[in-house]
């Protein structure tokens, strides 16, 4: 959600992701926010969030080029034992879907960055 935790979940204007799908971007979040916890509420300054989004945009750009995809799998998080196998079985479709999700995050951030000083991830 944009801004600090507002004492309720499922806030209007927030982004919502399935756990496995959110797991794809967790390594990038962890790289910039060492206090991130998959199960806890984590507040991230907008400055750090913008660094995360910039790194995700780089992932998106590289996913668009098929020759970079095998290397990019190392930057994607796979939460469950079979997540990576299922992702690679439909590599083209999943790379496109992940790229679209990252684009959605970029747009959402652009819409919220001037109105809020932080982003809060409400644990999964």
PDB file of N, CA and C in Angstrom:
ATOM      1  N   UNK A   1       0.835  -1.177   0.000  1.00  0.00           N
ATOM      2  CA  UNK A   1       0.000   0.000   0.000  1.00  0.00           C
ATOM      3  C   UNK A   1       0.878   1.238   0.000  1.00  0.00           C
ATOM      4  N   UNK A   2       0.380   2.291  -0.582  1.00  0.00           N
ATOM      5  CA  UNK A   2       1.110   3.557  -0.553  1.00  0.00           C
ATOM      6  C   UNK A   2       0.944   4.173   0.825  1.00  0.00           C
ATOM      7  N   UNK A   3       2.043   4.660   1.395  1.00  0.00           N
ATOM      8  CA  UNK A   3       2.002   5.271   2.711  1.00  0.00           C
ATOM      9  C   UNK A   3       2.199   4.259   3.819  1.00  0.00           C
ATOM     10  N   UNK A   4       2.177   4.733   5.073  1.00  0.00           N
ATOM     11  CA  UNK A   4       2.347   3.840   6.215  1.00  0.00           C
ATOM     12  C   UNK A   4       1.093   2.993   6.436  1.00  0.00           C
ATOM     13  N   UNK A   5       1.258   1.923   7.202  1.00  0.00           N
ATOM     14  CA  UNK A   5       0.136   1.052   7.535  1.00  0.00           C
ATOM     15  C   UNK A   5      -0.982   1.872   8.162  1.00  0.00           C
ATOM     16  N   UNK A   6      -2.204   1.687   7.674  1.00  0.00           N
ATOM     17  CA  UNK A   6      -3.347   2.500   8.102  1.00  0.00           C
ATOM     18  C   UNK A   6      -4.320   1.713   8.980  1.00  0.00           C
ATOM     19  N   UNK A   7      -3.803   0.740   9.720  1.00  0.00           N
ATOM     20  CA  UNK A   7      -4.606  -0.072  10.634  1.00  0.00           C
ATOM     21  C   UNK A   7      -5.691  -0.885   9.951  1.00  0.00           C
ATOM     22  N   UNK A   8      -5.516  -1.146   8.667  1.00  0.00           N
ATOM     23  CA  UNK A   8      -6.421  -2.065   7.977  1.00  0.00           C
ATOM     24  C   UNK A   8      -5.744  -2.576   6.719  1.00  0.00           C
ATOM     25  N   UNK A   9      -6.131  -3.771   6.349  1.00  0.00           N
ATOM     26  CA  UNK A   9      -5.618  -4.386   5.122  1.00  0.00           C
ATOM     27  C   UNK A   9      -6.641  -4.184   4.010  1.00  0.00           C
ATOM     28  N   UNK A  10      -6.280  -4.536   2.808  1.00  0.00           N
ATOM     29  CA  UNK A  10      -7.161  -4.429   1.650  1.00  0.00           C
ATOM     30  C   UNK A  10      -7.608  -2.981   1.437  1.00  0.00           C
ATOM     31  N   UNK A  11      -6.652  -2.072   1.403  1.00  0.00           N
ATOM     32  CA  UNK A  11      -6.929  -0.650   1.218  1.00  0.00           C
ATOM     33  C   UNK A  11      -7.152  -0.309  -0.251  1.00  0.00           C
ATOM     34  N   UNK A  12      -8.063   0.626  -0.496  1.00  0.00           N
ATOM     35  CA  UNK A  12      -8.274   1.114  -1.857  1.00  0.00           C
ATOM     36  C   UNK A  12      -6.969   1.699  -2.377  1.00  0.00           C
ATOM     37  N   UNK A  13      -6.686   1.429  -3.632  1.00  0.00           N
ATOM     38  CA  UNK A  13      -5.479   1.964  -4.244  1.00  0.00           C
ATOM     39  C   UNK A  13      -4.234   1.131  -4.006  1.00  0.00           C
ATOM     40  N   UNK A  14      -4.368   0.058  -3.248  1.00  0.00           N
ATOM     41  CA  UNK A  14      -3.230  -0.825  -3.005  1.00  0.00           C
ATOM     42  C   UNK A  14      -3.097  -1.830  -4.142  1.00  0.00           C
ATOM     43  N   UNK A  15      -1.926  -2.414  -4.258  1.00  0.00           N
ATOM     44  CA  UNK A  15      -1.707  -3.499  -5.209  1.00  0.00           C
ATOM     45  C   UNK A  15      -1.844  -4.815  -4.464  1.00  0.00           C
ATOM     46  N   UNK A  16      -2.415  -5.805  -5.123  1.00  0.00           N
ATOM     47  CA  UNK A  16      -2.603  -7.114  -4.517  1.00  0.00           C
ATOM     48  C   UNK A  16      -2.000  -8.165  -5.433  1.00  0.00           C
ATOM     49  N   UNK A  17      -1.261  -9.120  -4.841  1.00  0.00           N
ATOM     50  CA  UNK A  17      -0.605 -10.170  -5.614  1.00  0.00           C
ATOM     51  C   UNK A  17      -0.821 -11.517  -4.947  1.00  0.00           C
ATOM     52  N   UNK A  18      -0.881 -12.571  -5.758  1.00  0.00           N
ATOM     53  CA  UNK A  18      -0.861 -13.918  -5.216  1.00  0.00           C
ATOM     54  C   UNK A  18       0.532 -14.158  -4.643  1.00  0.00           C
ATOM     55  N   UNK A  19       0.610 -14.979  -3.616  1.00  0.00           N
ATOM     56  CA  UNK A  19       1.875 -15.192  -2.912  1.00  0.00           C
ATOM     57  C   UNK A  19       2.992 -15.654  -3.843  1.00  0.00           C
ATOM     58  N   UNK A  20       2.729 -16.647  -4.659  1.00  0.00           N
ATOM     59  CA  UNK A  20       3.779 -17.169  -5.538  1.00  0.00           C
ATOM     60  C   UNK A  20       4.258 -16.110  -6.524  1.00  0.00           C
ATOM     61  N   UNK A  21       3.335 -15.344  -7.064  1.00  0.00           N
ATOM     62  CA  UNK A  21       3.681 -14.300  -8.029  1.00  0.00           C
ATOM     63  C   UNK A  21       4.505 -13.205  -7.350  1.00  0.00           C
ATOM     64  N   UNK A  22       4.117 -12.799  -6.153  1.00  0.00           N
ATOM     65  CA  UNK A  22       4.891 -11.790  -5.432  1.00  0.00           C
ATOM     66  C   UNK A  22       6.300 -12.302  -5.139  1.00  0.00           C
ATOM     67  N   UNK A  23       6.405 -13.598  -4.921  1.00  0.00           N
ATOM     68  CA  UNK A  23       7.713 -14.203  -4.671  1.00  0.00           C
ATOM     69  C   UNK A  23       8.712 -13.955  -5.781  1.00  0.00           C
ATOM     70  N   UNK A  24       8.234 -13.778  -7.001  1.00  0.00           N
ATOM     71  CA  UNK A  24       9.141 -13.526  -8.126  1.00  0.00           C
ATOM     72  C   UNK A  24       9.964 -12.256  -7.914  1.00  0.00           C
ATOM     73  N   UNK A  25       9.386 -11.270  -7.243  1.00  0.00           N
ATOM     74  CA  UNK A  25      10.098  -9.993  -7.079  1.00  0.00           C
ATOM     75  C   UNK A  25      10.729  -9.837  -5.693  1.00  0.00           C
ATOM     76  N   UNK A  26      10.518 -10.788  -4.805  1.00  0.00           N
ATOM     77  CA  UNK A  26      11.066 -10.669  -3.450  1.00  0.00           C
ATOM     78  C   UNK A  26      12.590 -10.545  -3.398  1.00  0.00           C
ATOM     79  N   UNK A  27      13.363 -11.260  -4.216  1.00  0.00           N
ATOM     80  CA  UNK A  27      14.820 -11.080  -4.139  1.00  0.00           C
ATOM     81  C   UNK A  27      15.251  -9.633  -4.397  1.00  0.00           C
ATOM     82  N   UNK A  28      14.560  -8.959  -5.291  1.00  0.00           N
ATOM     83  CA  UNK A  28      14.888  -7.559  -5.570  1.00  0.00           C
ATOM     84  C   UNK A  28      14.550  -6.690  -4.370  1.00  0.00           C
ATOM     85  N   UNK A  29      13.414  -6.930  -3.754  1.00  0.00           N
ATOM     86  CA  UNK A  29      13.027  -6.168  -2.559  1.00  0.00           C
ATOM     87  C   UNK A  29      14.043  -6.399  -1.441  1.00  0.00           C
ATOM     88  N   UNK A  30      14.419  -7.652  -1.221  1.00  0.00           N
ATOM     89  CA  UNK A  30      15.366  -7.990  -0.153  1.00  0.00           C
ATOM     90  C   UNK A  30      16.732  -7.339  -0.368  1.00  0.00           C
ATOM     91  N   UNK A  31      17.116  -7.164  -1.613  1.00  0.00           N
ATOM     92  CA  UNK A  31      18.415  -6.556  -1.919  1.00  0.00           C
ATOM     93  C   UNK A  31      18.480  -5.103  -1.435  1.00  0.00           C
ATOM     94  N   UNK A  32      17.347  -4.407  -1.496  1.00  0.00           N
ATOM     95  CA  UNK A  32      17.318  -2.987  -1.125  1.00  0.00           C
ATOM     96  C   UNK A  32      16.724  -2.732   0.260  1.00  0.00           C
ATOM     97  N   UNK A  33      16.003  -3.701   0.802  1.00  0.00           N
ATOM     98  CA  UNK A  33      15.358  -3.520   2.109  1.00  0.00           C
ATOM     99  C   UNK A  33      15.677  -4.727   2.993  1.00  0.00           C
ATOM    100  N   UNK A  34      16.771  -4.649   3.760  1.00  0.00           N
ATOM    101  CA  UNK A  34      17.209  -5.794   4.560  1.00  0.00           C
ATOM    102  C   UNK A  34      16.227  -6.204   5.657  1.00  0.00           C
ATOM    103  N   UNK A  35      15.308  -5.334   6.043  1.00  0.00           N
ATOM    104  CA  UNK A  35      14.335  -5.692   7.084  1.00  0.00           C
ATOM    105  C   UNK A  35      13.108  -6.392   6.509  1.00  0.00           C
ATOM    106  N   UNK A  36      13.036  -6.549   5.190  1.00  0.00           N
ATOM    107  CA  UNK A  36      11.860  -7.173   4.577  1.00  0.00           C
ATOM    108  C   UNK A  36      11.673  -8.583   5.118  1.00  0.00           C
ATOM    109  N   UNK A  37      10.434  -8.909   5.440  1.00  0.00           N
ATOM    110  CA  UNK A  37      10.058 -10.240   5.907  1.00  0.00           C
ATOM    111  C   UNK A  37       8.792 -10.644   5.161  1.00  0.00           C
ATOM    112  N   UNK A  38       8.826 -11.802   4.560  1.00  0.00           N
ATOM    113  CA  UNK A  38       7.717 -12.313   3.756  1.00  0.00           C
ATOM    114  C   UNK A  38       6.389 -12.292   4.526  1.00  0.00           C
ATOM    115  N   UNK A  39       6.446 -12.497   5.837  1.00  0.00           N
ATOM    116  CA  UNK A  39       5.225 -12.628   6.630  1.00  0.00           C
ATOM    117  C   UNK A  39       4.884 -11.404   7.478  1.00  0.00           C
ATOM    118  N   UNK A  40       5.718 -10.378   7.459  1.00  0.00           N
ATOM    119  CA  UNK A  40       5.506  -9.218   8.336  1.00  0.00           C
ATOM    120  C   UNK A  40       5.138  -7.979   7.530  1.00  0.00           C
ATOM    121  N   UNK A  41       4.706  -6.951   8.228  1.00  0.00           N
ATOM    122  CA  UNK A  41       4.477  -5.650   7.602  1.00  0.00           C
ATOM    123  C   UNK A  41       5.831  -4.954   7.497  1.00  0.00           C
ATOM    124  N   UNK A  42       6.164  -4.478   6.315  1.00  0.00           N
ATOM    125  CA  UNK A  42       7.449  -3.814   6.095  1.00  0.00           C
ATOM    126  C   UNK A  42       7.213  -2.455   5.466  1.00  0.00           C
ATOM    127  N   UNK A  43       7.655  -1.418   6.147  1.00  0.00           N
ATOM    128  CA  UNK A  43       7.558  -0.058   5.609  1.00  0.00           C
ATOM    129  C   UNK A  43       8.878   0.275   4.915  1.00  0.00           C
ATOM    130  N   UNK A  44       8.792   0.761   3.675  1.00  0.00           N
ATOM    131  CA  UNK A  44       9.963   1.078   2.861  1.00  0.00           C
ATOM    132  C   UNK A  44       9.863   2.538   2.445  1.00  0.00           C
ATOM    133  N   UNK A  45      10.919   3.295   2.662  1.00  0.00           N
ATOM    134  CA  UNK A  45      10.893   4.704   2.258  1.00  0.00           C
ATOM    135  C   UNK A  45      10.660   4.795   0.751  1.00  0.00           C
ATOM    136  N   UNK A  46      10.037   5.867   0.313  1.00  0.00           N
ATOM    137  CA  UNK A  46       9.771   6.026  -1.113  1.00  0.00           C
ATOM    138  C   UNK A  46      11.077   6.064  -1.902  1.00  0.00           C
ATOM    139  N   UNK A  47      12.105   6.644  -1.326  1.00  0.00           N
ATOM    140  CA  UNK A  47      13.405   6.685  -1.995  1.00  0.00           C
ATOM    141  C   UNK A  47      13.926   5.269  -2.255  1.00  0.00           C
ATOM    142  N   UNK A  48      13.860   4.411  -1.239  1.00  0.00           N
ATOM    143  CA  UNK A  48      14.296   3.022  -1.418  1.00  0.00           C
ATOM    144  C   UNK A  48      13.347   2.252  -2.331  1.00  0.00           C
ATOM    145  N   UNK A  49      12.040   2.530  -2.227  1.00  0.00           N
ATOM    146  CA  UNK A  49      11.077   1.863  -3.094  1.00  0.00           C
ATOM    147  C   UNK A  49      11.361   2.199  -4.559  1.00  0.00           C
ATOM    148  N   UNK A  50      11.707   3.436  -4.830  1.00  0.00           N
ATOM    149  CA  UNK A  50      12.022   3.820  -6.208  1.00  0.00           C
ATOM    150  C   UNK A  50      13.270   3.095  -6.712  1.00  0.00           C
ATOM    151  N   UNK A  51      14.219   2.804  -5.831  1.00  0.00           N
ATOM    152  CA  UNK A  51      15.386   2.000  -6.215  1.00  0.00           C
ATOM    153  C   UNK A  51      14.955   0.578  -6.565  1.00  0.00           C
ATOM    154  N   UNK A  52      14.044   0.037  -5.779  1.00  0.00           N
ATOM    155  CA  UNK A  52      13.518  -1.305  -6.047  1.00  0.00           C
ATOM    156  C   UNK A  52      12.827  -1.327  -7.402  1.00  0.00           C
ATOM    157  N   UNK A  53      11.985  -0.346  -7.648  1.00  0.00           N
ATOM    158  CA  UNK A  53      11.238  -0.289  -8.910  1.00  0.00           C
ATOM    159  C   UNK A  53      12.185  -0.121 -10.094  1.00  0.00           C
ATOM    160  N   UNK A  54      13.230   0.652  -9.932  1.00  0.00           N
ATOM    161  CA  UNK A  54      14.225   0.814 -11.004  1.00  0.00           C
ATOM    162  C   UNK A  54      14.903  -0.525 -11.302  1.00  0.00           C
ATOM    163  N   UNK A  55      15.258  -1.263 -10.258  1.00  0.00           N
ATOM    164  CA  UNK A  55      15.865  -2.583 -10.448  1.00  0.00           C
ATOM    165  C   UNK A  55      14.880  -3.547 -11.104  1.00  0.00           C
ATOM    166  N   UNK A  56      13.606  -3.478 -10.713  1.00  0.00           N
ATOM    167  CA  UNK A  56      12.588  -4.322 -11.341  1.00  0.00           C
ATOM    168  C   UNK A  56      12.406  -3.957 -12.808  1.00  0.00           C
ATOM    169  N   UNK A  57      12.495  -2.680 -13.133  1.00  0.00           N
ATOM    170  CA  UNK A  57      12.391  -2.251 -14.530  1.00  0.00           C
ATOM    171  C   UNK A  57      13.528  -2.850 -15.352  1.00  0.00           C
ATOM    172  N   UNK A  58      14.705  -2.962 -14.750  1.00  0.00           N
ATOM    173  CA  UNK A  58      15.829  -3.603 -15.432  1.00  0.00           C
ATOM    174  C   UNK A  58      15.537  -5.084 -15.661  1.00  0.00           C
ATOM    175  N   UNK A  59      14.964  -5.742 -14.668  1.00  0.00           N
ATOM    176  CA  UNK A  59      14.564  -7.146 -14.828  1.00  0.00           C
ATOM    177  C   UNK A  59      13.566  -7.261 -15.974  1.00  0.00           C
ATOM    178  N   UNK A  60      12.562  -6.386 -15.985  1.00  0.00           N
ATOM    179  CA  UNK A  60      11.552  -6.404 -17.051  1.00  0.00           C
ATOM    180  C   UNK A  60      12.202  -6.250 -18.418  1.00  0.00           C
ATOM    181  N   UNK A  61      13.095  -5.303 -18.553  1.00  0.00           N
ATOM    182  CA  UNK A  61      13.759  -5.067 -19.841  1.00  0.00           C
ATOM    183  C   UNK A  61      14.534  -6.293 -20.298  1.00  0.00           C
ATOM    184  N   UNK A  62      15.195  -6.940 -19.372  1.00  0.00           N
ATOM    185  CA  UNK A  62      15.977  -8.126 -19.733  1.00  0.00           C
ATOM    186  C   UNK A  62      15.091  -9.326 -20.045  1.00  0.00           C
ATOM    187  N   UNK A  63      13.941  -9.416 -19.385  1.00  0.00           N
ATOM    188  CA  UNK A  63      13.016 -10.512 -19.683  1.00  0.00           C
ATOM    189  C   UNK A  63      12.463 -10.413 -21.097  1.00  0.00           C
ATOM    190  N   UNK A  64      12.426  -9.207 -21.630  1.00  0.00           N
ATOM    191  CA  UNK A  64      11.907  -9.003 -22.981  1.00  0.00           C
ATOM    192  C   UNK A  64      12.857  -9.538 -24.047  1.00  0.00           C
ATOM    193  N   UNK A  65      14.116  -9.768 -23.689  1.00  0.00           N
ATOM    194  CA  UNK A  65      15.114 -10.285 -24.629  1.00  0.00           C
ATOM    195  C   UNK A  65      15.356 -11.757 -24.297  1.00  0.00           C
ATOM    196  N   UNK A  66      14.935 -12.646 -25.196  1.00  0.00           N
ATOM    197  CA  UNK A  66      14.985 -14.080 -24.913  1.00  0.00           C
ATOM    198  C   UNK A  66      16.367 -14.575 -24.508  1.00  0.00           C
ATOM    199  N   UNK A  67      17.422 -14.023 -25.082  1.00  0.00           N
ATOM    200  CA  UNK A  67      18.764 -14.522 -24.768  1.00  0.00           C
ATOM    201  C   UNK A  67      19.171 -14.237 -23.323  1.00  0.00           C
ATOM    202  N   UNK A  68      18.553 -13.239 -22.672  1.00  0.00           N
ATOM    203  CA  UNK A  68      18.873 -12.925 -21.281  1.00  0.00           C
ATOM    204  C   UNK A  68      18.054 -13.748 -20.288  1.00  0.00           C
ATOM    205  N   UNK A  69      17.012 -14.402 -20.736  1.00  0.00           N
ATOM    206  CA  UNK A  69      16.080 -15.055 -19.811  1.00  0.00           C
ATOM    207  C   UNK A  69      16.726 -16.101 -18.907  1.00  0.00           C
ATOM    208  N   UNK A  70      17.564 -16.994 -19.419  1.00  0.00           N
ATOM    209  CA  UNK A  70      18.158 -17.974 -18.489  1.00  0.00           C
ATOM    210  C   UNK A  70      18.934 -17.311 -17.346  1.00  0.00           C
ATOM    211  N   UNK A  71      19.665 -16.243 -17.635  1.00  0.00           N
ATOM    212  CA  UNK A  71      20.396 -15.524 -16.583  1.00  0.00           C
ATOM    213  C   UNK A  71      19.439 -14.827 -15.620  1.00  0.00           C
ATOM    214  N   UNK A  72      18.325 -14.346 -16.127  1.00  0.00           N
ATOM    215  CA  UNK A  72      17.367 -13.614 -15.298  1.00  0.00           C
ATOM    216  C   UNK A  72      16.676 -14.519 -14.289  1.00  0.00           C
ATOM    217  N   UNK A  73      16.622 -15.808 -14.564  1.00  0.00           N
ATOM    218  CA  UNK A  73      15.983 -16.723 -13.623  1.00  0.00           C
ATOM    219  C   UNK A  73      16.666 -16.683 -12.260  1.00  0.00           C
ATOM    220  N   UNK A  74      17.938 -16.307 -12.229  1.00  0.00           N
ATOM    221  CA  UNK A  74      18.652 -16.207 -10.957  1.00  0.00           C
ATOM    222  C   UNK A  74      18.186 -15.001 -10.141  1.00  0.00           C
ATOM    223  N   UNK A  75      17.557 -14.035 -10.776  1.00  0.00           N
ATOM    224  CA  UNK A  75      17.085 -12.840 -10.069  1.00  0.00           C
ATOM    225  C   UNK A  75      15.614 -12.927  -9.685  1.00  0.00           C
ATOM    226  N   UNK A  76      14.963 -13.989 -10.107  1.00  0.00           N
ATOM    227  CA  UNK A  76      13.547 -14.199  -9.805  1.00  0.00           C
ATOM    228  C   UNK A  76      13.450 -15.140  -8.612  1.00  0.00           C
ATOM    229  N   UNK A  77      12.537 -14.850  -7.706  1.00  0.00           N
ATOM    230  CA  UNK A  77      12.340 -15.708  -6.545  1.00  0.00           C
ATOM    231  C   UNK A  77      11.309 -16.785  -6.839  1.00  0.00           C
ATOM    232  N   UNK A  78      11.610 -17.986  -6.426  1.00  0.00           N
ATOM    233  CA  UNK A  78      10.685 -19.102  -6.605  1.00  0.00           C
ATOM    234  C   UNK A  78      10.387 -19.673  -5.228  1.00  0.00           C
ATOM    235  N   UNK A  79       9.175 -19.412  -4.723  1.00  0.00           N
ATOM    236  CA  UNK A  79       8.817 -19.750  -3.342  1.00  0.00           C
ATOM    237  C   UNK A  79       8.648 -21.236  -3.089  1.00  0.00           C
ATOM    238  N   UNK A  80       8.073 -21.924  -4.037  1.00  0.00           N
ATOM    239  CA  UNK A  80       7.703 -23.312  -3.812  1.00  0.00           C
ATOM    240  C   UNK A  80       8.616 -24.252  -4.596  1.00  0.00           C
ATOM    241  N   UNK A  81       8.665 -25.504  -4.183  1.00  0.00           N
ATOM    242  CA  UNK A  81       9.587 -26.474  -4.772  1.00  0.00           C
ATOM    243  C   UNK A  81       9.441 -26.586  -6.288  1.00  0.00           C
ATOM    244  N   UNK A  82       8.225 -26.469  -6.779  1.00  0.00           N
ATOM    245  CA  UNK A  82       8.011 -26.633  -8.222  1.00  0.00           C
ATOM    246  C   UNK A  82       7.797 -25.309  -8.962  1.00  0.00           C
ATOM    247  N   UNK A  83       7.970 -24.195  -8.291  1.00  0.00           N
ATOM    248  CA  UNK A  83       7.704 -22.889  -8.914  1.00  0.00           C
ATOM    249  C   UNK A  83       8.578 -22.633 -10.137  1.00  0.00           C
ATOM    250  N   UNK A  84       9.863 -22.885 -10.016  1.00  0.00           N
ATOM    251  CA  UNK A  84      10.777 -22.609 -11.133  1.00  0.00           C
ATOM    252  C   UNK A  84      10.454 -23.501 -12.327  1.00  0.00           C
ATOM    253  N   UNK A  85      10.193 -24.763 -12.055  1.00  0.00           N
ATOM    254  CA  UNK A  85       9.869 -25.700 -13.140  1.00  0.00           C
ATOM    255  C   UNK A  85       8.601 -25.260 -13.872  1.00  0.00           C
ATOM    256  N   UNK A  86       7.573 -24.894 -13.122  1.00  0.00           N
ATOM    257  CA  UNK A  86       6.327 -24.451 -13.756  1.00  0.00           C
ATOM    258  C   UNK A  86       6.525 -23.136 -14.505  1.00  0.00           C
ATOM    259  N   UNK A  87       7.341 -22.232 -13.961  1.00  0.00           N
ATOM    260  CA  UNK A  87       7.615 -20.962 -14.630  1.00  0.00           C
ATOM    261  C   UNK A  87       8.300 -21.211 -15.971  1.00  0.00           C
ATOM    262  N   UNK A  88       9.289 -22.091 -15.979  1.00  0.00           N
ATOM    263  CA  UNK A  88      10.053 -22.317 -17.214  1.00  0.00           C
ATOM    264  C   UNK A  88       9.279 -23.135 -18.245  1.00  0.00           C
ATOM    265  N   UNK A  89       8.297 -23.913 -17.824  1.00  0.00           N
ATOM    266  CA  UNK A  89       7.487 -24.674 -18.780  1.00  0.00           C
ATOM    267  C   UNK A  89       6.715 -23.756 -19.716  1.00  0.00           C
ATOM    268  N   UNK A  90       6.320 -22.622 -19.236  1.00  0.00           N
ATOM    269  CA  UNK A  90       5.625 -21.623 -20.060  1.00  0.00           C
ATOM    270  C   UNK A  90       6.424 -20.320 -20.005  1.00  0.00           C
ATOM    271  N   UNK A  91       7.696 -20.428 -20.325  1.00  0.00           N
ATOM    272  CA  UNK A  91       8.638 -19.316 -20.157  1.00  0.00           C
ATOM    273  C   UNK A  91       8.164 -18.041 -20.843  1.00  0.00           C
ATOM    274  N   UNK A  92       7.779 -18.110 -22.109  1.00  0.00           N
ATOM    275  CA  UNK A  92       7.389 -16.891 -22.831  1.00  0.00           C
ATOM    276  C   UNK A  92       6.197 -16.209 -22.171  1.00  0.00           C
ATOM    277  N   UNK A  93       5.170 -16.979 -21.878  1.00  0.00           N
ATOM    278  CA  UNK A  93       3.963 -16.407 -21.272  1.00  0.00           C
ATOM    279  C   UNK A  93       4.255 -15.858 -19.876  1.00  0.00           C
ATOM    280  N   UNK A  94       5.038 -16.586 -19.092  1.00  0.00           N
ATOM    281  CA  UNK A  94       5.329 -16.136 -17.728  1.00  0.00           C
ATOM    282  C   UNK A  94       6.248 -14.924 -17.702  1.00  0.00           C
ATOM    283  N   UNK A  95       7.198 -14.857 -18.624  1.00  0.00           N
ATOM    284  CA  UNK A  95       8.054 -13.663 -18.704  1.00  0.00           C
ATOM    285  C   UNK A  95       7.223 -12.447 -19.100  1.00  0.00           C
ATOM    286  N   UNK A  96       6.293 -12.646 -20.034  1.00  0.00           N
ATOM    287  CA  UNK A  96       5.420 -11.537 -20.442  1.00  0.00           C
ATOM    288  C   UNK A  96       4.532 -11.097 -19.275  1.00  0.00           C
ATOM    289  N   UNK A  97       3.984 -12.056 -18.532  1.00  0.00           N
ATOM    290  CA  UNK A  97       3.119 -11.726 -17.393  1.00  0.00           C
ATOM    291  C   UNK A  97       3.908 -11.023 -16.288  1.00  0.00           C
ATOM    292  N   UNK A  98       5.117 -11.492 -16.021  1.00  0.00           N
ATOM    293  CA  UNK A  98       5.943 -10.845 -15.005  1.00  0.00           C
ATOM    294  C   UNK A  98       6.322  -9.437 -15.449  1.00  0.00           C
ATOM    295  N   UNK A  99       6.645  -9.278 -16.714  1.00  0.00           N
ATOM    296  CA  UNK A  99       6.941  -7.944 -17.240  1.00  0.00           C
ATOM    297  C   UNK A  99       5.754  -7.006 -17.096  1.00  0.00           C
ATOM    298  N   UNK A 100       4.549  -7.521 -17.360  1.00  0.00           N
ATOM    299  CA  UNK A 100       3.333  -6.711 -17.220  1.00  0.00           C
ATOM    300  C   UNK A 100       3.099  -6.333 -15.757  1.00  0.00           C
ATOM    301  N   UNK A 101       3.370  -7.262 -14.849  1.00  0.00           N
ATOM    302  CA  UNK A 101       3.215  -6.968 -13.428  1.00  0.00           C
ATOM    303  C   UNK A 101       4.193  -5.873 -12.993  1.00  0.00           C
ATOM    304  N   UNK A 102       5.420  -5.965 -13.455  1.00  0.00           N
ATOM    305  CA  UNK A 102       6.416  -4.943 -13.119  1.00  0.00           C
ATOM    306  C   UNK A 102       5.998  -3.592 -13.694  1.00  0.00           C
ATOM    307  N   UNK A 103       5.464  -3.587 -14.906  1.00  0.00           N
ATOM    308  CA  UNK A 103       4.964  -2.332 -15.491  1.00  0.00           C
ATOM    309  C   UNK A 103       3.850  -1.740 -14.640  1.00  0.00           C
ATOM    310  N   UNK A 104       2.979  -2.598 -14.124  1.00  0.00           N
ATOM    311  CA  UNK A 104       1.896  -2.142 -13.243  1.00  0.00           C
ATOM    312  C   UNK A 104       2.478  -1.507 -11.976  1.00  0.00           C
ATOM    313  N   UNK A 105       3.512  -2.116 -11.423  1.00  0.00           N
ATOM    314  CA  UNK A 105       4.164  -1.563 -10.231  1.00  0.00           C
ATOM    315  C   UNK A 105       4.797  -0.214 -10.553  1.00  0.00           C
ATOM    316  N   UNK A 106       5.416  -0.097 -11.728  1.00  0.00           N
ATOM    317  CA  UNK A 106       6.017   1.180 -12.140  1.00  0.00           C
ATOM    318  C   UNK A 106       4.953   2.274 -12.240  1.00  0.00           C
ATOM    319  N   UNK A 107       3.831   1.967 -12.860  1.00  0.00           N
ATOM    320  CA  UNK A 107       2.749   2.942 -13.010  1.00  0.00           C
ATOM    321  C   UNK A 107       2.184   3.333 -11.652  1.00  0.00           C
ATOM    322  N   UNK A 108       1.930   2.341 -10.811  1.00  0.00           N
ATOM    323  CA  UNK A 108       1.394   2.593  -9.473  1.00  0.00           C
ATOM    324  C   UNK A 108       2.341   3.481  -8.669  1.00  0.00           C
ATOM    325  N   UNK A 109       3.633   3.199  -8.765  1.00  0.00           N
ATOM    326  CA  UNK A 109       4.628   4.001  -8.049  1.00  0.00           C
ATOM    327  C   UNK A 109       4.626   5.434  -8.559  1.00  0.00           C
ATOM    328  N   UNK A 110       4.581   5.591  -9.862  1.00  0.00           N
ATOM    329  CA  UNK A 110       4.551   6.930 -10.453  1.00  0.00           C
ATOM    330  C   UNK A 110       3.331   7.714  -9.966  1.00  0.00           C
ATOM    331  N   UNK A 111       2.206   7.030  -9.845  1.00  0.00           N
ATOM    332  CA  UNK A 111       0.973   7.675  -9.394  1.00  0.00           C
ATOM    333  C   UNK A 111       1.005   8.050  -7.909  1.00  0.00           C
ATOM    334  N   UNK A 112       1.826   7.362  -7.118  1.00  0.00           N
ATOM    335  CA  UNK A 112       1.803   7.536  -5.660  1.00  0.00           C
ATOM    336  C   UNK A 112       3.043   8.185  -5.066  1.00  0.00           C
ATOM    337  N   UNK A 113       4.110   8.298  -5.806  1.00  0.00           N
ATOM    338  CA  UNK A 113       5.393   8.709  -5.221  1.00  0.00           C
ATOM    339  C   UNK A 113       5.405  10.126  -4.663  1.00  0.00           C
ATOM    340  N   UNK A 114       4.619  11.018  -5.216  1.00  0.00           N
ATOM    341  CA  UNK A 114       4.611  12.396  -4.718  1.00  0.00           C
ATOM    342  C   UNK A 114       3.634  12.602  -3.563  1.00  0.00           C
ATOM    343  N   UNK A 115       2.700  11.679  -3.397  1.00  0.00           N
ATOM    344  CA  UNK A 115       1.689  11.811  -2.343  1.00  0.00           C
ATOM    345  C   UNK A 115       2.048  11.084  -1.057  1.00  0.00           C
ATOM    346  N   UNK A 116       3.052  10.198  -1.132  1.00  0.00           N
ATOM    347  CA  UNK A 116       3.395   9.376   0.034  1.00  0.00           C
ATOM    348  C   UNK A 116       4.905   9.316   0.209  1.00  0.00           C
ATOM    349  N   UNK A 117       5.335   9.236   1.450  1.00  0.00           N
ATOM    350  CA  UNK A 117       6.770   9.182   1.739  1.00  0.00           C
ATOM    351  C   UNK A 117       7.292   7.756   1.865  1.00  0.00           C
ATOM    352  N   UNK A 118       6.372   6.788   1.806  1.00  0.00           N
ATOM    353  CA  UNK A 118       6.795   5.398   1.942  1.00  0.00           C
ATOM    354  C   UNK A 118       5.775   4.472   1.282  1.00  0.00           C
ATOM    355  N   UNK A 119       6.167   3.224   1.196  1.00  0.00           N
ATOM    356  CA  UNK A 119       5.305   2.135   0.740  1.00  0.00           C
ATOM    357  C   UNK A 119       5.340   1.095   1.849  1.00  0.00           C
ATOM    358  N   UNK A 120       4.212   0.474   2.127  1.00  0.00           N
ATOM    359  CA  UNK A 120       4.175  -0.577   3.137  1.00  0.00           C
ATOM    360  C   UNK A 120       3.723  -1.873   2.485  1.00  0.00           C
ATOM    361  N   UNK A 121       4.533  -2.910   2.671  1.00  0.00           N
ATOM    362  CA  UNK A 121       4.162  -4.243   2.201  1.00  0.00           C
ATOM    363  C   UNK A 121       3.534  -4.948   3.387  1.00  0.00           C
ATOM    364  N   UNK A 122       2.289  -5.337   3.237  1.00  0.00           N
ATOM    365  CA  UNK A 122       1.578  -6.036   4.300  1.00  0.00           C
ATOM    366  C   UNK A 122       1.787  -7.521   4.075  1.00  0.00           C
ATOM    367  N   UNK A 123       2.530  -8.162   4.950  1.00  0.00           N
ATOM    368  CA  UNK A 123       2.938  -9.556   4.809  1.00  0.00           C
ATOM    369  C   UNK A 123       1.901 -10.449   4.159  1.00  0.00           C
ATOM    370  N   UNK A 124       2.396 -11.510   3.598  1.00  0.00           N
ATOM    371  CA  UNK A 124       1.521 -12.391   2.827  1.00  0.00           C
ATOM    372  C   UNK A 124       0.919 -13.496   3.639  1.00  0.00           C
TER     373      UNK A 124
END
